[in-house]
Amino acid sequence: MAHKLVIYPVILHPEKTGYSVEIPDINNGAWTQGESMEEALEMATDLIGTMLVDEMTWPKPTALEDIQVTGADIKTIVSLDMEDYRRRTSKTVRKNVSIPEYLVKMGKDQHINFSEVLTQALEDKLIN
């Protein structure tokens, strides 16, 4: 499966304790926070994944040089492999499907995992 890397600029706003994080390109400006810079960036990455996981197209990122900061604010980027994020966070949904009986027999004889084959076929058709 191809990797679908998304890269977005974020602005870290130092607080008395930790950082608040602004993600300007997600949902007309999304916010999160963390107790440390590392945690703040992890939270930003997770928020991006949460907001985009069900989307087939993603907002265009603003160029880092176009992001304006003031004072002690810090601009940086975060990246996320959306396909990996989807695999790690998606729940499994049971679906009934109809397929020809001879394929069921052949699949069982060859110990085919029907769910795995259907998932791969759908990913190939819809994502790749």
C-alpha atoms as a PDB file:
ATOM      1  CA  MET A   1       0.000   0.000   0.000  1.00  0.00           C
ATOM      2  CA  ALA A   2       1.286   3.462  -0.869  1.00  0.00           C
ATOM      3  CA  HIS A   3       2.114   5.825   1.949  1.00  0.00           C
ATOM      4  CA  LYS A   4      -0.014   8.957   2.099  1.00  0.00           C
ATOM      5  CA  LEU A   5       2.204  11.377   3.955  1.00  0.00           C
ATOM      6  CA  VAL A   6       0.621  14.642   5.065  1.00  0.00           C
ATOM      7  CA  ILE A   7       2.763  17.525   6.291  1.00  0.00           C
ATOM      8  CA  TYR A   8       1.241  20.571   7.983  1.00  0.00           C
ATOM      9  CA  PRO A   9       2.669  23.645   9.660  1.00  0.00           C
ATOM     10  CA  VAL A  10       1.866  24.198  13.326  1.00  0.00           C
ATOM     11  CA  ILE A  11       2.442  27.079  15.691  1.00  0.00           C
ATOM     12  CA  LEU A  12       3.544  26.358  19.240  1.00  0.00           C
ATOM     13  CA  HIS A  13       2.427  29.014  21.710  1.00  0.00           C
ATOM     14  CA  PRO A  14       4.414  28.768  24.982  1.00  0.00           C
ATOM     15  CA  GLU A  15       2.178  28.886  28.057  1.00  0.00           C
ATOM     16  CA  LYS A  16       3.055  29.092  31.763  1.00  0.00           C
ATOM     17  CA  THR A  17       3.039  25.307  31.647  1.00  0.00           C
ATOM     18  CA  GLY A  18       3.520  23.578  28.306  1.00  0.00           C
ATOM     19  CA  TYR A  19       2.368  24.720  24.900  1.00  0.00           C
ATOM     20  CA  SER A  20      -0.870  25.350  23.100  1.00  0.00           C
ATOM     21  CA  VAL A  21      -0.682  24.306  19.456  1.00  0.00           C
ATOM     22  CA  GLU A  22      -2.412  25.946  16.531  1.00  0.00           C
ATOM     23  CA  ILE A  23      -2.905  24.002  13.295  1.00  0.00           C
ATOM     24  CA  PRO A  24      -4.077  26.687  10.858  1.00  0.00           C
ATOM     25  CA  ASP A  25      -4.914  24.447   7.881  1.00  0.00           C
ATOM     26  CA  ILE A  26      -7.132  21.930   9.675  1.00  0.00           C
ATOM     27  CA  ASN A  27     -10.823  22.690  10.233  1.00  0.00           C
ATOM     28  CA  ASN A  28     -10.309  26.448   9.751  1.00  0.00           C
ATOM     29  CA  GLY A  29      -7.833  26.408  12.615  1.00  0.00           C
ATOM     30  CA  ALA A  30      -7.647  23.553  15.096  1.00  0.00           C
ATOM     31  CA  TRP A  31      -6.071  23.698  18.559  1.00  0.00           C
ATOM     32  CA  THR A  32      -4.568  21.251  21.014  1.00  0.00           C
ATOM     33  CA  GLN A  33      -1.968  21.385  23.778  1.00  0.00           C
ATOM     34  CA  GLY A  34       0.772  19.479  25.542  1.00  0.00           C
ATOM     35  CA  GLU A  35       2.762  19.700  28.745  1.00  0.00           C
ATOM     36  CA  SER A  36       6.061  19.547  26.839  1.00  0.00           C
ATOM     37  CA  MET A  37       7.071  20.438  23.284  1.00  0.00           C
ATOM     38  CA  GLU A  38       7.275  16.730  22.417  1.00  0.00           C
ATOM     39  CA  GLU A  39       3.807  16.036  23.807  1.00  0.00           C
ATOM     40  CA  ALA A  40       2.375  19.126  22.083  1.00  0.00           C
ATOM     41  CA  LEU A  41       3.709  17.959  18.710  1.00  0.00           C
ATOM     42  CA  GLU A  42       2.400  14.418  19.318  1.00  0.00           C
ATOM     43  CA  MET A  43      -1.011  15.858  20.173  1.00  0.00           C
ATOM     44  CA  ALA A  44      -0.948  17.993  17.016  1.00  0.00           C
ATOM     45  CA  THR A  45      -0.108  14.961  14.904  1.00  0.00           C
ATOM     46  CA  ASP A  46      -2.911  12.950  16.499  1.00  0.00           C
ATOM     47  CA  LEU A  47      -5.415  15.790  16.012  1.00  0.00           C
ATOM     48  CA  ILE A  48      -4.515  16.017  12.323  1.00  0.00           C
ATOM     49  CA  GLY A  49      -5.045  12.265  11.974  1.00  0.00           C
ATOM     50  CA  THR A  50      -8.350  12.392  13.845  1.00  0.00           C
ATOM     51  CA  MET A  51      -9.658  15.239  11.697  1.00  0.00           C
ATOM     52  CA  LEU A  52      -8.566  13.700   8.365  1.00  0.00           C
ATOM     53  CA  VAL A  53      -8.990   9.954   8.931  1.00  0.00           C
ATOM     54  CA  ASP A  54     -12.390   9.739   7.206  1.00  0.00           C
ATOM     55  CA  GLU A  55     -11.552  12.187   4.416  1.00  0.00           C
ATOM     56  CA  MET A  56     -10.410  11.207   0.927  1.00  0.00           C
ATOM     57  CA  THR A  57      -8.906  14.624   0.160  1.00  0.00           C
ATOM     58  CA  TRP A  58      -6.985  16.782   2.570  1.00  0.00           C
ATOM     59  CA  PRO A  59      -6.576  20.541   2.908  1.00  0.00           C
ATOM     60  CA  LYS A  60      -3.589  22.029   1.147  1.00  0.00           C
ATOM     61  CA  PRO A  61      -0.903  22.949   3.675  1.00  0.00           C
ATOM     62  CA  THR A  62       0.245  26.534   3.950  1.00  0.00           C
ATOM     63  CA  ALA A  63       3.932  26.999   3.160  1.00  0.00           C
ATOM     64  CA  LEU A  64       5.950  27.310   6.367  1.00  0.00           C
ATOM     65  CA  GLU A  65       7.458  30.599   5.187  1.00  0.00           C
ATOM     66  CA  ASP A  66       3.926  32.033   4.881  1.00  0.00           C
ATOM     67  CA  ILE A  67       3.129  31.335   8.551  1.00  0.00           C
ATOM     68  CA  GLN A  68       3.474  34.454  10.702  1.00  0.00           C
ATOM     69  CA  VAL A  69       4.480  34.174  14.362  1.00  0.00           C
ATOM     70  CA  THR A  70       5.018  36.752  17.066  1.00  0.00           C
ATOM     71  CA  GLY A  71       6.965  36.878  20.284  1.00  0.00           C
ATOM     72  CA  ALA A  72       8.027  33.513  21.633  1.00  0.00           C
ATOM     73  CA  ASP A  73       5.771  31.529  19.281  1.00  0.00           C
ATOM     74  CA  ILE A  74       7.484  28.748  17.322  1.00  0.00           C
ATOM     75  CA  LYS A  75       6.519  27.607  13.855  1.00  0.00           C
ATOM     76  CA  THR A  76       7.385  24.117  12.708  1.00  0.00           C
ATOM     77  CA  ILE A  77       5.892  21.213  10.757  1.00  0.00           C
ATOM     78  CA  VAL A  78       4.444  17.841  11.661  1.00  0.00           C
ATOM     79  CA  SER A  79       4.046  14.877   9.344  1.00  0.00           C
ATOM     80  CA  LEU A  80       1.794  11.861   9.474  1.00  0.00           C
ATOM     81  CA  ASP A  81       1.414   8.756   7.315  1.00  0.00           C
ATOM     82  CA  MET A  82      -2.369   8.687   6.966  1.00  0.00           C
ATOM     83  CA  GLU A  83      -2.521   5.094   5.759  1.00  0.00           C
ATOM     84  CA  ASP A  84      -0.579   3.927   8.797  1.00  0.00           C
ATOM     85  CA  TYR A  85      -2.775   6.104  11.034  1.00  0.00           C
ATOM     86  CA  ARG A  86      -5.924   4.597   9.485  1.00  0.00           C
ATOM     87  CA  ARG A  87      -4.656   1.059  10.030  1.00  0.00           C
ATOM     88  CA  ARG A  88      -3.756   1.771  13.656  1.00  0.00           C
ATOM     89  CA  THR A  89      -6.952   3.585  14.618  1.00  0.00           C
ATOM     90  CA  SER A  90      -9.752   2.084  12.539  1.00  0.00           C
ATOM     91  CA  LYS A  91     -12.294  -0.246  14.032  1.00  0.00           C
ATOM     92  CA  THR A  92     -13.454  -3.319  12.141  1.00  0.00           C
ATOM     93  CA  VAL A  93     -17.011  -3.354  10.803  1.00  0.00           C
ATOM     94  CA  ARG A  94     -18.816  -6.568   9.931  1.00  0.00           C
ATOM     95  CA  LYS A  95     -20.313  -6.627   6.400  1.00  0.00           C
ATOM     96  CA  ASN A  96     -22.248  -9.393   4.680  1.00  0.00           C
ATOM     97  CA  VAL A  97     -21.261  -9.884   1.052  1.00  0.00           C
ATOM     98  CA  SER A  98     -22.476 -12.178  -1.725  1.00  0.00           C
ATOM     99  CA  ILE A  99     -19.930 -14.062  -3.810  1.00  0.00           C
ATOM    100  CA  PRO A 100     -20.225 -17.068  -6.108  1.00  0.00           C
ATOM    101  CA  GLU A 101     -20.324 -20.394  -4.281  1.00  0.00           C
ATOM    102  CA  TYR A 102     -17.462 -21.877  -6.310  1.00  0.00           C
ATOM    103  CA  LEU A 103     -15.168 -19.034  -5.121  1.00  0.00           C
ATOM    104  CA  VAL A 104     -16.122 -19.745  -1.513  1.00  0.00           C
ATOM    105  CA  LYS A 105     -15.205 -23.407  -1.947  1.00  0.00           C
ATOM    106  CA  MET A 106     -11.929 -22.620  -3.721  1.00  0.00           C
ATOM    107  CA  GLY A 107     -11.048 -20.004  -1.095  1.00  0.00           C
ATOM    108  CA  LYS A 108     -11.728 -22.381   1.790  1.00  0.00           C
ATOM    109  CA  ASP A 109      -9.691 -25.122   0.112  1.00  0.00           C
ATOM    110  CA  GLN A 110      -6.746 -22.701  -0.125  1.00  0.00           C
ATOM    111  CA  HIS A 111      -7.288 -21.288   3.383  1.00  0.00           C
ATOM    112  CA  ILE A 112      -7.978 -17.784   2.040  1.00  0.00           C
ATOM    113  CA  ASN A 113      -8.818 -15.083   4.587  1.00  0.00           C
ATOM    114  CA  PHE A 114     -11.823 -13.515   2.828  1.00  0.00           C
ATOM    115  CA  SER A 115     -11.804 -10.397   5.015  1.00  0.00           C
ATOM    116  CA  GLU A 116      -8.138  -9.750   4.250  1.00  0.00           C
ATOM    117  CA  VAL A 117      -8.651 -10.199   0.497  1.00  0.00           C
ATOM    118  CA  LEU A 118     -11.705  -7.913   0.444  1.00  0.00           C
ATOM    119  CA  THR A 119      -9.920  -5.270   2.528  1.00  0.00           C
ATOM    120  CA  GLN A 120      -6.895  -5.308   0.197  1.00  0.00           C
ATOM    121  CA  ALA A 121      -9.116  -5.128  -2.898  1.00  0.00           C
ATOM    122  CA  LEU A 122     -11.053  -2.167  -1.484  1.00  0.00           C
ATOM    123  CA  GLU A 123      -7.844  -0.373  -0.515  1.00  0.00           C
ATOM    124  CA  ASP A 124      -6.439  -0.949  -4.017  1.00  0.00           C
ATOM    125  CA  LYS A 125      -9.611   0.365  -5.634  1.00  0.00           C
ATOM    126  CA  LEU A 126     -10.350   3.281  -3.315  1.00  0.00           C
ATOM    127  CA  ILE A 127      -7.027   4.498  -1.970  1.00  0.00           C
ATOM    128  CA  ASN A 128      -4.175   3.515  -4.244  1.00  0.00           C
END
